[in-house]
C-alpha cells in the first residue's frame, strides 16, 4: 500500500527517472522536479495531477496550447 501523502518536495517525481535531464523542470504547482518538457511531459507532477483529477474528475488532462508549424 502506498502512502496517501507525497514525499518531501526535495524528492523528484518518478517520471524524471525515465526521461533525459533536459526534459526535467519544476511542477507548475509544487515546484517538484518532474518530466515537464517535450513529448509526454506534463506541467504537473504525479501527486499534483492526482489531486487535480480528484477535484476536477478523470477527464482532466494537459492540453497542448502550442500550434503546430505548417
PDB file of N, CA and C in Angstrom:
ATOM      1  N   UNK A   1       0.835  -1.179   0.000  1.00  0.00           N
ATOM      2  CA  UNK A   1       0.000   0.000   0.000  1.00  0.00           C
ATOM      3  C   UNK A   1       0.879   1.241   0.000  1.00  0.00           C
ATOM      4  N   UNK A   2       0.551   2.218  -0.833  1.00  0.00           N
ATOM      5  CA  UNK A   2       1.333   3.437  -0.896  1.00  0.00           C
ATOM      6  C   UNK A   2       0.777   4.472   0.054  1.00  0.00           C
ATOM      7  N   UNK A   3       1.620   5.398   0.429  1.00  0.00           N
ATOM      8  CA  UNK A   3       1.219   6.458   1.341  1.00  0.00           C
ATOM      9  C   UNK A   3       0.310   7.447   0.623  1.00  0.00           C
ATOM     10  N   UNK A   4      -0.677   7.985   1.333  1.00  0.00           N
ATOM     11  CA  UNK A   4      -1.579   8.974   0.759  1.00  0.00           C
ATOM     12  C   UNK A   4      -0.895  10.325   0.625  1.00  0.00           C
ATOM     13  N   UNK A   5       0.197  10.500   1.349  1.00  0.00           N
ATOM     14  CA  UNK A   5       0.911  11.768   1.320  1.00  0.00           C
ATOM     15  C   UNK A   5       2.126  11.655   0.414  1.00  0.00           C
ATOM     16  N   UNK A   6       2.382  12.681  -0.394  1.00  0.00           N
ATOM     17  CA  UNK A   6       3.568  12.642  -1.255  1.00  0.00           C
ATOM     18  C   UNK A   6       4.842  12.806  -0.431  1.00  0.00           C
ATOM     19  N   UNK A   7       5.967  12.361  -0.974  1.00  0.00           N
ATOM     20  CA  UNK A   7       7.237  12.558  -0.274  1.00  0.00           C
ATOM     21  C   UNK A   7       7.585  14.050  -0.248  1.00  0.00           C
ATOM     22  N   UNK A   8       8.630  14.424   0.463  1.00  0.00           N
ATOM     23  CA  UNK A   8       9.022  15.838   0.514  1.00  0.00           C
ATOM     24  C   UNK A   8       9.297  16.402  -0.880  1.00  0.00           C
ATOM     25  N   UNK A   9       9.158  17.700  -1.024  1.00  0.00           N
ATOM     26  CA  UNK A   9       9.375  18.372  -2.311  1.00  0.00           C
ATOM     27  C   UNK A   9      10.781  18.118  -2.843  1.00  0.00           C
ATOM     28  N   UNK A  10      11.736  17.871  -1.966  1.00  0.00           N
ATOM     29  CA  UNK A  10      13.112  17.613  -2.404  1.00  0.00           C
ATOM     30  C   UNK A  10      13.232  16.317  -3.196  1.00  0.00           C
ATOM     31  N   UNK A  11      12.256  15.413  -3.060  1.00  0.00           N
ATOM     32  CA  UNK A  11      12.253  14.159  -3.820  1.00  0.00           C
ATOM     33  C   UNK A  11      11.611  14.403  -5.181  1.00  0.00           C
ATOM     34  N   UNK A  12      12.270  14.012  -6.284  1.00  0.00           N
ATOM     35  CA  UNK A  12      11.686  14.242  -7.608  1.00  0.00           C
ATOM     36  C   UNK A  12      10.519  13.298  -7.895  1.00  0.00           C
ATOM     37  N   UNK A  13       9.719  13.689  -8.854  1.00  0.00           N
ATOM     38  CA  UNK A  13       8.637  12.844  -9.355  1.00  0.00           C
ATOM     39  C   UNK A  13       9.267  11.621 -10.033  1.00  0.00           C
ATOM     40  N   UNK A  14       8.710  10.429  -9.868  1.00  0.00           N
ATOM     41  CA  UNK A  14       9.282   9.235 -10.503  1.00  0.00           C
ATOM     42  C   UNK A  14       9.426   9.352 -12.023  1.00  0.00           C
ATOM     43  N   UNK A  15       8.656  10.219 -12.656  1.00  0.00           N
ATOM     44  CA  UNK A  15       8.757  10.377 -14.110  1.00  0.00           C
ATOM     45  C   UNK A  15      10.119  10.900 -14.538  1.00  0.00           C
ATOM     46  N   UNK A  16      10.863  11.535 -13.635  1.00  0.00           N
ATOM     47  CA  UNK A  16      12.176  12.066 -14.003  1.00  0.00           C
ATOM     48  C   UNK A  16      13.195  10.962 -14.230  1.00  0.00           C
ATOM     49  N   UNK A  17      12.934   9.765 -13.720  1.00  0.00           N
ATOM     50  CA  UNK A  17      13.882   8.671 -13.879  1.00  0.00           C
ATOM     51  C   UNK A  17      13.821   8.051 -15.273  1.00  0.00           C
ATOM     52  N   UNK A  18      12.774   8.371 -16.040  1.00  0.00           N
ATOM     53  CA  UNK A  18      12.607   7.783 -17.366  1.00  0.00           C
ATOM     54  C   UNK A  18      12.819   8.775 -18.497  1.00  0.00           C
ATOM     55  N   UNK A  19      13.250  10.000 -18.182  1.00  0.00           N
ATOM     56  CA  UNK A  19      13.474  10.986 -19.245  1.00  0.00           C
ATOM     57  C   UNK A  19      14.853  11.602 -19.085  1.00  0.00           C
ATOM     58  N   UNK A  20      15.323  12.253 -20.146  1.00  0.00           N
ATOM     59  CA  UNK A  20      16.633  12.887 -20.075  1.00  0.00           C
ATOM     60  C   UNK A  20      16.567  14.134 -19.198  1.00  0.00           C
ATOM     61  N   UNK A  21      17.699  14.518 -18.671  1.00  0.00           N
ATOM     62  CA  UNK A  21      17.770  15.676 -17.782  1.00  0.00           C
ATOM     63  C   UNK A  21      17.307  16.966 -18.425  1.00  0.00           C
ATOM     64  N   UNK A  22      17.409  17.061 -19.750  1.00  0.00           N
ATOM     65  CA  UNK A  22      16.983  18.282 -20.432  1.00  0.00           C
ATOM     66  C   UNK A  22      15.464  18.436 -20.454  1.00  0.00           C
ATOM     67  N   UNK A  23      14.725  17.369 -20.119  1.00  0.00           N
ATOM     68  CA  UNK A  23      13.265  17.420 -20.117  1.00  0.00           C
ATOM     69  C   UNK A  23      12.693  17.580 -18.705  1.00  0.00           C
ATOM     70  N   UNK A  24      13.565  17.737 -17.709  1.00  0.00           N
ATOM     71  CA  UNK A  24      13.127  17.883 -16.326  1.00  0.00           C
ATOM     72  C   UNK A  24      12.934  19.357 -16.010  1.00  0.00           C
ATOM     73  N   UNK A  25      11.802  19.665 -15.367  1.00  0.00           N
ATOM     74  CA  UNK A  25      11.518  21.036 -14.972  1.00  0.00           C
ATOM     75  C   UNK A  25      10.620  21.037 -13.753  1.00  0.00           C
ATOM     76  N   UNK A  26      10.343  22.211 -13.203  1.00  0.00           N
ATOM     77  CA  UNK A  26       9.526  22.275 -11.992  1.00  0.00           C
ATOM     78  C   UNK A  26       8.048  22.059 -12.277  1.00  0.00           C
ATOM     79  N   UNK A  27       7.371  21.379 -11.361  1.00  0.00           N
ATOM     80  CA  UNK A  27       5.919  21.231 -11.411  1.00  0.00           C
ATOM     81  C   UNK A  27       5.323  22.631 -11.297  1.00  0.00           C
ATOM     82  N   UNK A  28       4.285  22.915 -12.047  1.00  0.00           N
ATOM     83  CA  UNK A  28       3.706  24.255 -12.012  1.00  0.00           C
ATOM     84  C   UNK A  28       2.938  24.531 -10.728  1.00  0.00           C
ATOM     85  N   UNK A  29       2.724  23.509  -9.908  1.00  0.00           N
ATOM     86  CA  UNK A  29       2.004  23.706  -8.659  1.00  0.00           C
ATOM     87  C   UNK A  29       2.935  23.683  -7.446  1.00  0.00           C
ATOM     88  N   UNK A  30       3.707  22.611  -7.283  1.00  0.00           N
ATOM     89  CA  UNK A  30       4.520  22.447  -6.069  1.00  0.00           C
ATOM     90  C   UNK A  30       6.012  22.686  -6.297  1.00  0.00           C
ATOM     91  N   UNK A  31       6.426  22.853  -7.545  1.00  0.00           N
ATOM     92  CA  UNK A  31       7.819  23.101  -7.938  1.00  0.00           C
ATOM     93  C   UNK A  31       8.744  21.903  -7.777  1.00  0.00           C
ATOM     94  N   UNK A  32       8.178  20.709  -7.561  1.00  0.00           N
ATOM     95  CA  UNK A  32       8.964  19.470  -7.514  1.00  0.00           C
ATOM     96  C   UNK A  32       9.460  19.174  -8.934  1.00  0.00           C
ATOM     97  N   UNK A  33      10.675  18.636  -9.070  1.00  0.00           N
ATOM     98  CA  UNK A  33      11.171  18.259 -10.388  1.00  0.00           C
ATOM     99  C   UNK A  33      10.294  17.167 -10.982  1.00  0.00           C
ATOM    100  N   UNK A  34       9.905  17.358 -12.248  1.00  0.00           N
ATOM    101  CA  UNK A  34       9.068  16.393 -12.952  1.00  0.00           C
ATOM    102  C   UNK A  34       9.427  16.398 -14.429  1.00  0.00           C
ATOM    103  N   UNK A  35       8.972  15.393 -15.178  1.00  0.00           N
ATOM    104  CA  UNK A  35       9.142  15.344 -16.633  1.00  0.00           C
ATOM    105  C   UNK A  35       8.174  16.358 -17.219  1.00  0.00           C
ATOM    106  N   UNK A  36       8.678  17.539 -17.537  1.00  0.00           N
ATOM    107  CA  UNK A  36       7.806  18.647 -17.913  1.00  0.00           C
ATOM    108  C   UNK A  36       7.884  19.004 -19.390  1.00  0.00           C
ATOM    109  N   UNK A  37       9.022  18.896 -19.988  1.00  0.00           N
ATOM    110  CA  UNK A  37       9.208  19.412 -21.332  1.00  0.00           C
ATOM    111  C   UNK A  37       9.255  18.292 -22.364  1.00  0.00           C
ATOM    112  N   UNK A  38       8.754  18.551 -23.549  1.00  0.00           N
ATOM    113  CA  UNK A  38       8.845  17.599 -24.636  1.00  0.00           C
ATOM    114  C   UNK A  38       7.683  16.624 -24.688  1.00  0.00           C
ATOM    115  N   UNK A  39       7.789  15.669 -25.568  1.00  0.00           N
ATOM    116  CA  UNK A  39       6.741  14.682 -25.779  1.00  0.00           C
ATOM    117  C   UNK A  39       6.524  13.853 -24.523  1.00  0.00           C
ATOM    118  N   UNK A  40       5.295  13.793 -24.056  1.00  0.00           N
ATOM    119  CA  UNK A  40       4.966  13.008 -22.879  1.00  0.00           C
ATOM    120  C   UNK A  40       5.079  13.760 -21.577  1.00  0.00           C
ATOM    121  N   UNK A  41       5.561  14.990 -21.595  1.00  0.00           N
ATOM    122  CA  UNK A  41       5.724  15.762 -20.375  1.00  0.00           C
ATOM    123  C   UNK A  41       4.431  16.451 -19.965  1.00  0.00           C
ATOM    124  N   UNK A  42       4.272  16.680 -18.680  1.00  0.00           N
ATOM    125  CA  UNK A  42       3.109  17.367 -18.128  1.00  0.00           C
ATOM    126  C   UNK A  42       3.576  18.514 -17.243  1.00  0.00           C
ATOM    127  N   UNK A  43       2.768  19.566 -17.097  1.00  0.00           N
ATOM    128  CA  UNK A  43       3.179  20.670 -16.219  1.00  0.00           C
ATOM    129  C   UNK A  43       3.002  20.352 -14.737  1.00  0.00           C
ATOM    130  N   UNK A  44       2.331  19.236 -14.407  1.00  0.00           N
ATOM    131  CA  UNK A  44       2.104  18.852 -13.017  1.00  0.00           C
ATOM    132  C   UNK A  44       2.805  17.536 -12.700  1.00  0.00           C
ATOM    133  N   UNK A  45       3.334  17.414 -11.486  1.00  0.00           N
ATOM    134  CA  UNK A  45       3.932  16.149 -11.066  1.00  0.00           C
ATOM    135  C   UNK A  45       2.814  15.130 -10.806  1.00  0.00           C
ATOM    136  N   UNK A  46       3.202  13.914 -10.567  1.00  0.00           N
ATOM    137  CA  UNK A  46       2.255  12.821 -10.348  1.00  0.00           C
ATOM    138  C   UNK A  46       1.263  13.146  -9.226  1.00  0.00           C
ATOM    139  N   UNK A  47       1.766  13.692  -8.121  1.00  0.00           N
ATOM    140  CA  UNK A  47       0.901  13.942  -6.965  1.00  0.00           C
ATOM    141  C   UNK A  47      -0.037  15.122  -7.200  1.00  0.00           C
ATOM    142  N   UNK A  48       0.434  16.178  -7.857  1.00  0.00           N
ATOM    143  CA  UNK A  48      -0.438  17.323  -8.147  1.00  0.00           C
ATOM    144  C   UNK A  48      -1.483  16.947  -9.196  1.00  0.00           C
ATOM    145  N   UNK A  49      -1.127  16.106 -10.168  1.00  0.00           N
ATOM    146  CA  UNK A  49      -2.094  15.658 -11.170  1.00  0.00           C
ATOM    147  C   UNK A  49      -3.156  14.782 -10.514  1.00  0.00           C
ATOM    148  N   UNK A  50      -2.756  13.935  -9.569  1.00  0.00           N
ATOM    149  CA  UNK A  50      -3.723  13.103  -8.848  1.00  0.00           C
ATOM    150  C   UNK A  50      -4.712  13.981  -8.094  1.00  0.00           C
ATOM    151  N   UNK A  51      -4.203  15.005  -7.442  1.00  0.00           N
ATOM    152  CA  UNK A  51      -5.062  15.932  -6.711  1.00  0.00           C
ATOM    153  C   UNK A  51      -6.001  16.667  -7.662  1.00  0.00           C
ATOM    154  N   UNK A  52      -5.502  17.091  -8.817  1.00  0.00           N
ATOM    155  CA  UNK A  52      -6.340  17.784  -9.806  1.00  0.00           C
ATOM    156  C   UNK A  52      -7.444  16.866 -10.309  1.00  0.00           C
ATOM    157  N   UNK A  53      -7.103  15.603 -10.558  1.00  0.00           N
ATOM    158  CA  UNK A  53      -8.121  14.653 -11.021  1.00  0.00           C
ATOM    159  C   UNK A  53      -9.184  14.408  -9.963  1.00  0.00           C
ATOM    160  N   UNK A  54      -8.785  14.388  -8.688  1.00  0.00           N
ATOM    161  CA  UNK A  54      -9.765  14.216  -7.614  1.00  0.00           C
ATOM    162  C   UNK A  54     -10.714  15.407  -7.553  1.00  0.00           C
ATOM    163  N   UNK A  55     -10.189  16.603  -7.777  1.00  0.00           N
ATOM    164  CA  UNK A  55     -11.000  17.815  -7.703  1.00  0.00           C
ATOM    165  C   UNK A  55     -11.838  18.051  -8.959  1.00  0.00           C
ATOM    166  N   UNK A  56     -11.306  17.697 -10.125  1.00  0.00           N
ATOM    167  CA  UNK A  56     -11.961  18.021 -11.393  1.00  0.00           C
ATOM    168  C   UNK A  56     -12.540  16.814 -12.108  1.00  0.00           C
ATOM    169  N   UNK A  57     -12.229  15.612 -11.668  1.00  0.00           N
ATOM    170  CA  UNK A  57     -12.721  14.408 -12.325  1.00  0.00           C
ATOM    171  C   UNK A  57     -11.666  13.783 -13.211  1.00  0.00           C
ATOM    172  N   UNK A  58     -11.953  12.611 -13.721  1.00  0.00           N
ATOM    173  CA  UNK A  58     -10.970  11.863 -14.513  1.00  0.00           C
ATOM    174  C   UNK A  58     -10.738  12.452 -15.897  1.00  0.00           C
ATOM    175  N   UNK A  59     -11.571  13.386 -16.316  1.00  0.00           N
ATOM    176  CA  UNK A  59     -11.412  13.989 -17.638  1.00  0.00           C
ATOM    177  C   UNK A  59     -10.325  15.038 -17.716  1.00  0.00           C
ATOM    178  N   UNK A  60      -9.738  15.438 -16.569  1.00  0.00           N
ATOM    179  CA  UNK A  60      -8.704  16.467 -16.600  1.00  0.00           C
ATOM    180  C   UNK A  60      -7.430  15.886 -17.202  1.00  0.00           C
ATOM    181  N   UNK A  61      -6.853  16.628 -18.119  1.00  0.00           N
ATOM    182  CA  UNK A  61      -5.567  16.269 -18.709  1.00  0.00           C
ATOM    183  C   UNK A  61      -4.941  17.515 -19.294  1.00  0.00           C
ATOM    184  N   UNK A  62      -3.666  17.431 -19.587  1.00  0.00           N
ATOM    185  CA  UNK A  62      -2.946  18.550 -20.150  1.00  0.00           C
ATOM    186  C   UNK A  62      -3.330  18.743 -21.600  1.00  0.00           C
ATOM    187  N   UNK A  63      -3.625  19.973 -21.980  1.00  0.00           N
ATOM    188  CA  UNK A  63      -3.959  20.310 -23.346  1.00  0.00           C
ATOM    189  C   UNK A  63      -2.831  21.132 -23.931  1.00  0.00           C
ATOM    190  N   UNK A  64      -2.234  20.676 -25.010  1.00  0.00           N
ATOM    191  CA  UNK A  64      -1.139  21.382 -25.651  1.00  0.00           C
ATOM    192  C   UNK A  64      -1.677  22.673 -26.262  1.00  0.00           C
ATOM    193  N   UNK A  65      -1.131  23.801 -25.848  1.00  0.00           N
ATOM    194  CA  UNK A  65      -1.582  25.096 -26.363  1.00  0.00           C
ATOM    195  C   UNK A  65      -0.694  25.621 -27.487  1.00  0.00           C
ATOM    196  N   UNK A  66       0.342  24.880 -27.815  1.00  0.00           N
ATOM    197  CA  UNK A  66       1.236  25.314 -28.887  1.00  0.00           C
ATOM    198  C   UNK A  66       0.660  24.904 -30.239  1.00  0.00           C
ATOM    199  N   UNK A  67       0.783  25.789 -31.178  1.00  0.00           N
ATOM    200  CA  UNK A  67       0.306  25.471 -32.525  1.00  0.00           C
ATOM    201  C   UNK A  67       1.415  24.772 -33.287  1.00  0.00           C
ATOM    202  N   UNK A  68       1.020  23.895 -34.164  1.00  0.00           N
ATOM    203  CA  UNK A  68       1.972  23.161 -34.965  1.00  0.00           C
ATOM    204  C   UNK A  68       2.399  24.010 -36.157  1.00  0.00           C
ATOM    205  N   UNK A  69       3.695  24.039 -36.436  1.00  0.00           N
ATOM    206  CA  UNK A  69       4.193  24.789 -37.588  1.00  0.00           C
ATOM    207  C   UNK A  69       3.780  24.090 -38.869  1.00  0.00           C
ATOM    208  N   UNK A  70       3.357  24.870 -39.832  1.00  0.00           N
ATOM    209  CA  UNK A  70       2.941  24.239 -41.097  1.00  0.00           C
ATOM    210  C   UNK A  70       4.012  24.350 -42.147  1.00  0.00           C
TER     211      UNK A  70
END
